[in-house]
Amino acid sequence: MQPRMAAVHLRFETLEGAALHPLLPALAGLRIAVFRDWPYLYDGDEAYERRYLRAYADAPGAAVVVCRDGDRVVGAATCEPMVQGHAPVQAVFRAAGLDPAEWCYFGESVLLPEYRGQGAGVRFFREREAHALRQGLARAAFCAVIRGPLDPRRPAAHVPLDGFWRNRGYAPRPDLVVRFDWKEPGAAAESPHELSFWVKDLAP
């Protein structure tokens, strides 16, 4: 476990469009670093990551909440109208009788380990929810990878985020499951991974 840094003043900005382009290398590196760890175990590729993040810069209504310590990008959280995003996500919602046009999809929330526990996660949700409402979207959803409780790779000190998500007002929807393929560290090829959704109605 890495030691937690003393409290620092973190700055947050919600950025859209061309304002994201200069940050793509830093954001790509951040995703690769954070998602390499449990529970995602993702062996990222920088070229792919830049393309993936550029889609947020190019999609109408999409945004990235960027967290900085000074000039250093130490965290980020993405969001976009679900209709602008991944086709498999939309398909899962349509199959359940849910209209993707009503939803904002929260793609990921990543933060370097030494900056955790200082309120950044709460701020990421607050800023993305505010952005969703500005886009006229009254519902939000995100998905989390499903890992078995007895998976031997699970760190002994790992604390699931379920309680944190519930405290933000999100509820699990285990019936909504999407599949994405990625390569895990040490693997020769990509493999399928299932992710289940958490949802929230944003409108009062």
C-alpha atoms as a PDB file:
ATOM      1  CA  MET A   1       0.000   0.000   0.000  1.00  0.00           C
ATOM      2  CA  GLN A   2       1.326   3.425  -0.922  1.00  0.00           C
ATOM      3  CA  PRO A   3       1.465   6.061   1.825  1.00  0.00           C
ATOM      4  CA  ARG A   4      -1.135   8.780   1.524  1.00  0.00           C
ATOM      5  CA  MET A   5       0.188  12.269   0.889  1.00  0.00           C
ATOM      6  CA  ALA A   6      -0.478  15.130   3.233  1.00  0.00           C
ATOM      7  CA  ALA A   7      -3.572  17.104   2.241  1.00  0.00           C
ATOM      8  CA  VAL A   8      -3.019  19.221  -0.853  1.00  0.00           C
ATOM      9  CA  HIS A   9      -5.137  21.748  -2.673  1.00  0.00           C
ATOM     10  CA  LEU A  10      -6.636  19.949  -5.649  1.00  0.00           C
ATOM     11  CA  ARG A  11      -8.105  21.937  -8.533  1.00  0.00           C
ATOM     12  CA  PHE A  12     -11.042  20.664 -10.595  1.00  0.00           C
ATOM     13  CA  GLU A  13     -12.169  21.738 -14.066  1.00  0.00           C
ATOM     14  CA  THR A  14     -14.914  20.365 -16.292  1.00  0.00           C
ATOM     15  CA  LEU A  15     -13.498  20.505 -19.813  1.00  0.00           C
ATOM     16  CA  GLU A  16     -15.092  19.888 -23.194  1.00  0.00           C
ATOM     17  CA  GLY A  17     -14.072  19.801 -26.835  1.00  0.00           C
ATOM     18  CA  ALA A  18     -10.787  21.303 -27.987  1.00  0.00           C
ATOM     19  CA  ALA A  19      -9.796  22.194 -24.411  1.00  0.00           C
ATOM     20  CA  LEU A  20      -9.135  18.485 -23.855  1.00  0.00           C
ATOM     21  CA  HIS A  21      -6.692  17.981 -26.729  1.00  0.00           C
ATOM     22  CA  PRO A  22      -3.534  19.216 -24.937  1.00  0.00           C
ATOM     23  CA  LEU A  23      -4.303  16.904 -22.006  1.00  0.00           C
ATOM     24  CA  LEU A  24      -4.761  13.682 -23.981  1.00  0.00           C
ATOM     25  CA  PRO A  25      -1.227  12.322 -23.301  1.00  0.00           C
ATOM     26  CA  ALA A  26      -1.508  12.964 -19.561  1.00  0.00           C
ATOM     27  CA  LEU A  27      -5.015  11.520 -19.373  1.00  0.00           C
ATOM     28  CA  ALA A  28      -3.964   8.438 -21.364  1.00  0.00           C
ATOM     29  CA  GLY A  29      -1.059   7.799 -19.004  1.00  0.00           C
ATOM     30  CA  LEU A  30      -3.319   8.244 -16.003  1.00  0.00           C
ATOM     31  CA  ARG A  31      -5.847   5.675 -17.249  1.00  0.00           C
ATOM     32  CA  ILE A  32      -3.106   3.165 -18.004  1.00  0.00           C
ATOM     33  CA  ALA A  33      -1.538   3.580 -14.554  1.00  0.00           C
ATOM     34  CA  VAL A  34      -4.752   3.370 -12.514  1.00  0.00           C
ATOM     35  CA  PHE A  35      -6.532   0.643 -14.472  1.00  0.00           C
ATOM     36  CA  ARG A  36      -3.494  -1.656 -14.377  1.00  0.00           C
ATOM     37  CA  ASP A  37      -4.339  -2.339 -10.719  1.00  0.00           C
ATOM     38  CA  TRP A  38      -7.166  -4.376  -9.209  1.00  0.00           C
ATOM     39  CA  PRO A  39     -10.007  -4.721 -10.012  1.00  0.00           C
ATOM     40  CA  TYR A  40      -9.638  -3.838 -13.710  1.00  0.00           C
ATOM     41  CA  LEU A  41      -6.225  -5.402 -14.370  1.00  0.00           C
ATOM     42  CA  TYR A  42      -6.028  -3.630 -17.724  1.00  0.00           C
ATOM     43  CA  ASP A  43      -2.830  -3.671 -19.764  1.00  0.00           C
ATOM     44  CA  GLY A  44      -3.366  -0.385 -21.564  1.00  0.00           C
ATOM     45  CA  ASP A  45      -1.927   0.882 -24.820  1.00  0.00           C
ATOM     46  CA  GLU A  46      -1.148   4.594 -25.097  1.00  0.00           C
ATOM     47  CA  ALA A  47      -2.164   4.939 -28.741  1.00  0.00           C
ATOM     48  CA  TYR A  48      -5.528   3.314 -28.050  1.00  0.00           C
ATOM     49  CA  GLU A  49      -6.015   5.450 -24.945  1.00  0.00           C
ATOM     50  CA  ARG A  50      -5.467   8.662 -26.864  1.00  0.00           C
ATOM     51  CA  ARG A  51      -8.018   7.611 -29.482  1.00  0.00           C
ATOM     52  CA  TYR A  52     -10.474   6.636 -26.767  1.00  0.00           C
ATOM     53  CA  LEU A  53     -10.114   9.956 -24.967  1.00  0.00           C
ATOM     54  CA  ARG A  54     -10.207  11.967 -28.183  1.00  0.00           C
ATOM     55  CA  ALA A  55     -13.719  10.599 -28.682  1.00  0.00           C
ATOM     56  CA  TYR A  56     -14.756  12.505 -25.566  1.00  0.00           C
ATOM     57  CA  ALA A  57     -13.239  15.667 -26.991  1.00  0.00           C
ATOM     58  CA  ASP A  58     -15.134  15.164 -30.249  1.00  0.00           C
ATOM     59  CA  ALA A  59     -18.529  14.024 -28.912  1.00  0.00           C
ATOM     60  CA  PRO A  60     -21.186  16.726 -28.428  1.00  0.00           C
ATOM     61  CA  GLY A  61     -22.175  16.987 -24.777  1.00  0.00           C
ATOM     62  CA  ALA A  62     -19.239  14.942 -23.481  1.00  0.00           C
ATOM     63  CA  ALA A  63     -16.920  16.260 -20.785  1.00  0.00           C
ATOM     64  CA  VAL A  64     -13.968  15.288 -18.624  1.00  0.00           C
ATOM     65  CA  VAL A  65     -13.613  16.508 -15.048  1.00  0.00           C
ATOM     66  CA  VAL A  66      -9.867  17.029 -14.615  1.00  0.00           C
ATOM     67  CA  CYS A  67      -8.178  17.068 -11.195  1.00  0.00           C
ATOM     68  CA  ARG A  68      -4.801  18.760 -10.838  1.00  0.00           C
ATOM     69  CA  ASP A  69      -2.213  19.149  -8.129  1.00  0.00           C
ATOM     70  CA  GLY A  70      -0.556  22.318  -9.346  1.00  0.00           C
ATOM     71  CA  ASP A  71       0.009  21.721 -13.065  1.00  0.00           C
ATOM     72  CA  ARG A  72       0.059  17.933 -12.734  1.00  0.00           C
ATOM     73  CA  VAL A  73      -3.001  15.959 -13.818  1.00  0.00           C
ATOM     74  CA  VAL A  74      -3.608  13.452 -11.012  1.00  0.00           C
ATOM     75  CA  GLY A  75      -7.201  12.408 -11.666  1.00  0.00           C
ATOM     76  CA  ALA A  76     -10.026  12.526 -14.180  1.00  0.00           C
ATOM     77  CA  ALA A  77     -13.641  11.456 -14.592  1.00  0.00           C
ATOM     78  CA  THR A  78     -15.505  11.213 -17.887  1.00  0.00           C
ATOM     79  CA  CYS A  79     -19.140  11.578 -18.851  1.00  0.00           C
ATOM     80  CA  GLU A  80     -21.197  11.820 -22.012  1.00  0.00           C
ATOM     81  CA  PRO A  81     -24.755  11.407 -23.244  1.00  0.00           C
ATOM     82  CA  MET A  82     -25.242   7.665 -23.522  1.00  0.00           C
ATOM     83  CA  VAL A  83     -26.407   8.037 -27.114  1.00  0.00           C
ATOM     84  CA  GLN A  84     -22.937   9.393 -27.987  1.00  0.00           C
ATOM     85  CA  GLY A  85     -21.081   6.487 -26.421  1.00  0.00           C
ATOM     86  CA  HIS A  86     -20.440   2.772 -26.657  1.00  0.00           C
ATOM     87  CA  ALA A  87     -22.943   0.824 -28.733  1.00  0.00           C
ATOM     88  CA  PRO A  88     -22.844  -2.195 -26.351  1.00  0.00           C
ATOM     89  CA  VAL A  89     -23.901   0.024 -23.444  1.00  0.00           C
ATOM     90  CA  GLN A  90     -26.827   1.399 -25.406  1.00  0.00           C
ATOM     91  CA  ALA A  91     -27.830  -2.112 -26.442  1.00  0.00           C
ATOM     92  CA  VAL A  92     -27.945  -3.300 -22.818  1.00  0.00           C
ATOM     93  CA  PHE A  93     -30.235  -0.442 -21.830  1.00  0.00           C
ATOM     94  CA  ARG A  94     -32.526  -0.836 -24.832  1.00  0.00           C
ATOM     95  CA  ALA A  95     -32.843  -4.572 -24.157  1.00  0.00           C
ATOM     96  CA  ALA A  96     -34.043  -3.696 -20.636  1.00  0.00           C
ATOM     97  CA  GLY A  97     -36.640  -1.235 -21.982  1.00  0.00           C
ATOM     98  CA  LEU A  98     -34.613   1.831 -20.986  1.00  0.00           C
ATOM     99  CA  ASP A  99     -34.147   4.748 -23.383  1.00  0.00           C
ATOM    100  CA  PRO A 100     -30.437   5.670 -23.742  1.00  0.00           C
ATOM    101  CA  ALA A 101     -31.491   9.223 -24.685  1.00  0.00           C
ATOM    102  CA  GLU A 102     -32.481   9.815 -21.044  1.00  0.00           C
ATOM    103  CA  TRP A 103     -29.110   8.812 -19.591  1.00  0.00           C
ATOM    104  CA  CYS A 104     -25.685  10.264 -18.991  1.00  0.00           C
ATOM    105  CA  TYR A 105     -22.997   7.588 -19.043  1.00  0.00           C
ATOM    106  CA  PHE A 106     -20.117   8.006 -16.593  1.00  0.00           C
ATOM    107  CA  GLY A 107     -17.222   6.264 -18.297  1.00  0.00           C
ATOM    108  CA  GLU A 108     -14.566   6.138 -15.589  1.00  0.00           C
ATOM    109  CA  SER A 109     -13.187   7.885 -12.549  1.00  0.00           C
ATOM    110  CA  VAL A 110      -9.433   7.541 -12.056  1.00  0.00           C
ATOM    111  CA  LEU A 111      -7.209   9.035  -9.383  1.00  0.00           C
ATOM    112  CA  LEU A 112      -3.617   8.310  -8.425  1.00  0.00           C
ATOM    113  CA  PRO A 113      -3.502   6.311  -5.176  1.00  0.00           C
ATOM    114  CA  GLU A 114      -1.661   8.935  -3.150  1.00  0.00           C
ATOM    115  CA  TYR A 115      -4.454  11.471  -3.714  1.00  0.00           C
ATOM    116  CA  ARG A 116      -7.319   9.267  -2.565  1.00  0.00           C
ATOM    117  CA  GLY A 117      -9.268   9.945   0.597  1.00  0.00           C
ATOM    118  CA  GLN A 118      -9.309  13.732   0.112  1.00  0.00           C
ATOM    119  CA  GLY A 119     -12.764  14.135  -1.415  1.00  0.00           C
ATOM    120  CA  ALA A 120     -11.890  13.884  -5.100  1.00  0.00           C
ATOM    121  CA  GLY A 121     -14.269  10.982  -5.697  1.00  0.00           C
ATOM    122  CA  VAL A 122     -17.210  12.910  -4.261  1.00  0.00           C
ATOM    123  CA  ARG A 123     -16.278  15.930  -6.369  1.00  0.00           C
ATOM    124  CA  PHE A 124     -16.045  13.823  -9.524  1.00  0.00           C
ATOM    125  CA  PHE A 125     -19.614  12.601  -9.063  1.00  0.00           C
ATOM    126  CA  ARG A 126     -20.923  16.062  -8.183  1.00  0.00           C
ATOM    127  CA  GLU A 127     -19.361  17.708 -11.239  1.00  0.00           C
ATOM    128  CA  ARG A 128     -20.486  14.998 -13.643  1.00  0.00           C
ATOM    129  CA  GLU A 129     -24.028  15.047 -12.307  1.00  0.00           C
ATOM    130  CA  ALA A 130     -24.114  18.829 -12.720  1.00  0.00           C
ATOM    131  CA  HIS A 131     -22.881  18.447 -16.293  1.00  0.00           C
ATOM    132  CA  ALA A 132     -25.527  15.800 -17.013  1.00  0.00           C
ATOM    133  CA  LEU A 133     -28.296  18.094 -15.801  1.00  0.00           C
ATOM    134  CA  ARG A 134     -26.947  20.934 -17.950  1.00  0.00           C
ATOM    135  CA  GLN A 135     -27.305  18.558 -20.901  1.00  0.00           C
ATOM    136  CA  GLY A 136     -30.915  17.885 -19.971  1.00  0.00           C
ATOM    137  CA  LEU A 137     -30.191  14.320 -18.822  1.00  0.00           C
ATOM    138  CA  ALA A 138     -32.016  13.340 -15.644  1.00  0.00           C
ATOM    139  CA  ARG A 139     -30.440   9.905 -15.132  1.00  0.00           C
ATOM    140  CA  ALA A 140     -26.860   8.735 -14.703  1.00  0.00           C
ATOM    141  CA  ALA A 141     -25.247   5.311 -14.947  1.00  0.00           C
ATOM    142  CA  PHE A 142     -21.815   3.771 -14.703  1.00  0.00           C
ATOM    143  CA  CYS A 143     -20.529   0.219 -14.747  1.00  0.00           C
ATOM    144  CA  ALA A 144     -17.971  -1.661 -12.677  1.00  0.00           C
ATOM    145  CA  VAL A 145     -16.105  -4.845 -13.512  1.00  0.00           C
ATOM    146  CA  ILE A 146     -17.387  -8.039 -11.928  1.00  0.00           C
ATOM    147  CA  ARG A 147     -14.670  -9.974 -10.094  1.00  0.00           C
ATOM    148  CA  GLY A 148     -15.154 -13.127  -8.067  1.00  0.00           C
ATOM    149  CA  PRO A 149     -14.780 -12.717  -4.288  1.00  0.00           C
ATOM    150  CA  LEU A 150     -12.277 -15.597  -4.214  1.00  0.00           C
ATOM    151  CA  ASP A 151     -10.119 -14.327  -7.080  1.00  0.00           C
ATOM    152  CA  PRO A 152      -6.544 -14.933  -5.844  1.00  0.00           C
ATOM    153  CA  ARG A 153      -5.376 -11.649  -7.391  1.00  0.00           C
ATOM    154  CA  ARG A 154      -7.614  -9.622  -5.083  1.00  0.00           C
ATOM    155  CA  PRO A 155      -5.422  -7.560  -2.696  1.00  0.00           C
ATOM    156  CA  ALA A 156      -6.019  -8.380   0.944  1.00  0.00           C
ATOM    157  CA  ALA A 157      -6.548  -4.711   1.785  1.00  0.00           C
ATOM    158  CA  HIS A 158      -8.979  -3.993  -1.051  1.00  0.00           C
ATOM    159  CA  VAL A 159     -12.186  -2.266   0.058  1.00  0.00           C
ATOM    160  CA  PRO A 160     -15.063  -2.426  -2.486  1.00  0.00           C
ATOM    161  CA  LEU A 161     -16.559   0.913  -3.482  1.00  0.00           C
ATOM    162  CA  ASP A 162     -20.164  -0.258  -3.147  1.00  0.00           C
ATOM    163  CA  GLY A 163     -20.720   1.722   0.058  1.00  0.00           C
ATOM    164  CA  PHE A 164     -19.240   4.866  -1.464  1.00  0.00           C
ATOM    165  CA  TRP A 165     -21.487   4.558  -4.525  1.00  0.00           C
ATOM    166  CA  ARG A 166     -24.572   3.955  -2.380  1.00  0.00           C
ATOM    167  CA  ASN A 167     -23.733   7.058  -0.365  1.00  0.00           C
ATOM    168  CA  ARG A 168     -23.759   9.038  -3.610  1.00  0.00           C
ATOM    169  CA  GLY A 169     -27.319   7.808  -4.243  1.00  0.00           C
ATOM    170  CA  TYR A 170     -26.532   5.083  -6.785  1.00  0.00           C
ATOM    171  CA  ALA A 171     -28.226   1.699  -6.778  1.00  0.00           C
ATOM    172  CA  PRO A 172     -26.905  -1.517  -8.318  1.00  0.00           C
ATOM    173  CA  ARG A 173     -28.624  -3.006 -11.349  1.00  0.00           C
ATOM    174  CA  PRO A 174     -27.165  -6.518 -11.556  1.00  0.00           C
ATOM    175  CA  ASP A 175     -29.592  -7.243 -14.393  1.00  0.00           C
ATOM    176  CA  LEU A 176     -27.768  -4.699 -16.573  1.00  0.00           C
ATOM    177  CA  VAL A 177     -24.490  -6.285 -17.657  1.00  0.00           C
ATOM    178  CA  VAL A 178     -22.218  -5.270 -20.533  1.00  0.00           C
ATOM    179  CA  ARG A 179     -19.194  -7.096 -21.896  1.00  0.00           C
ATOM    180  CA  PHE A 180     -15.928  -5.473 -22.948  1.00  0.00           C
ATOM    181  CA  ASP A 181     -12.714  -7.179 -24.032  1.00  0.00           C
ATOM    182  CA  TRP A 182      -9.277  -6.111 -22.821  1.00  0.00           C
ATOM    183  CA  LYS A 183      -5.841  -7.589 -22.234  1.00  0.00           C
ATOM    184  CA  GLU A 184      -4.777  -8.199 -18.658  1.00  0.00           C
ATOM    185  CA  PRO A 185      -1.126  -7.749 -17.574  1.00  0.00           C
ATOM    186  CA  GLY A 186       0.894 -10.779 -18.595  1.00  0.00           C
ATOM    187  CA  ALA A 187      -1.785 -12.070 -20.979  1.00  0.00           C
ATOM    188  CA  ALA A 188      -1.080 -12.754 -24.630  1.00  0.00           C
ATOM    189  CA  ALA A 189      -4.479 -11.598 -25.898  1.00  0.00           C
ATOM    190  CA  GLU A 190      -7.662  -9.835 -24.918  1.00  0.00           C
ATOM    191  CA  SER A 191     -10.320 -11.667 -22.937  1.00  0.00           C
ATOM    192  CA  PRO A 192     -13.991 -10.871 -22.212  1.00  0.00           C
ATOM    193  CA  HIS A 193     -14.959  -9.090 -18.986  1.00  0.00           C
ATOM    194  CA  GLU A 194     -18.441  -8.466 -17.639  1.00  0.00           C
ATOM    195  CA  LEU A 195     -19.371  -5.176 -15.962  1.00  0.00           C
ATOM    196  CA  SER A 196     -22.598  -4.438 -14.101  1.00  0.00           C
ATOM    197  CA  PHE A 197     -24.323  -1.083 -13.828  1.00  0.00           C
ATOM    198  CA  TRP A 198     -25.183   1.329 -11.024  1.00  0.00           C
ATOM    199  CA  VAL A 199     -27.864   3.962 -11.690  1.00  0.00           C
ATOM    200  CA  LYS A 200     -29.325   7.133 -10.224  1.00  0.00           C
ATOM    201  CA  ASP A 201     -32.175   9.511 -10.995  1.00  0.00           C
ATOM    202  CA  LEU A 202     -30.671  13.005 -10.872  1.00  0.00           C
ATOM    203  CA  ALA A 203     -33.817  15.085 -11.104  1.00  0.00           C
ATOM    204  CA  PRO A 204     -35.411  15.992  -7.720  1.00  0.00           C
END
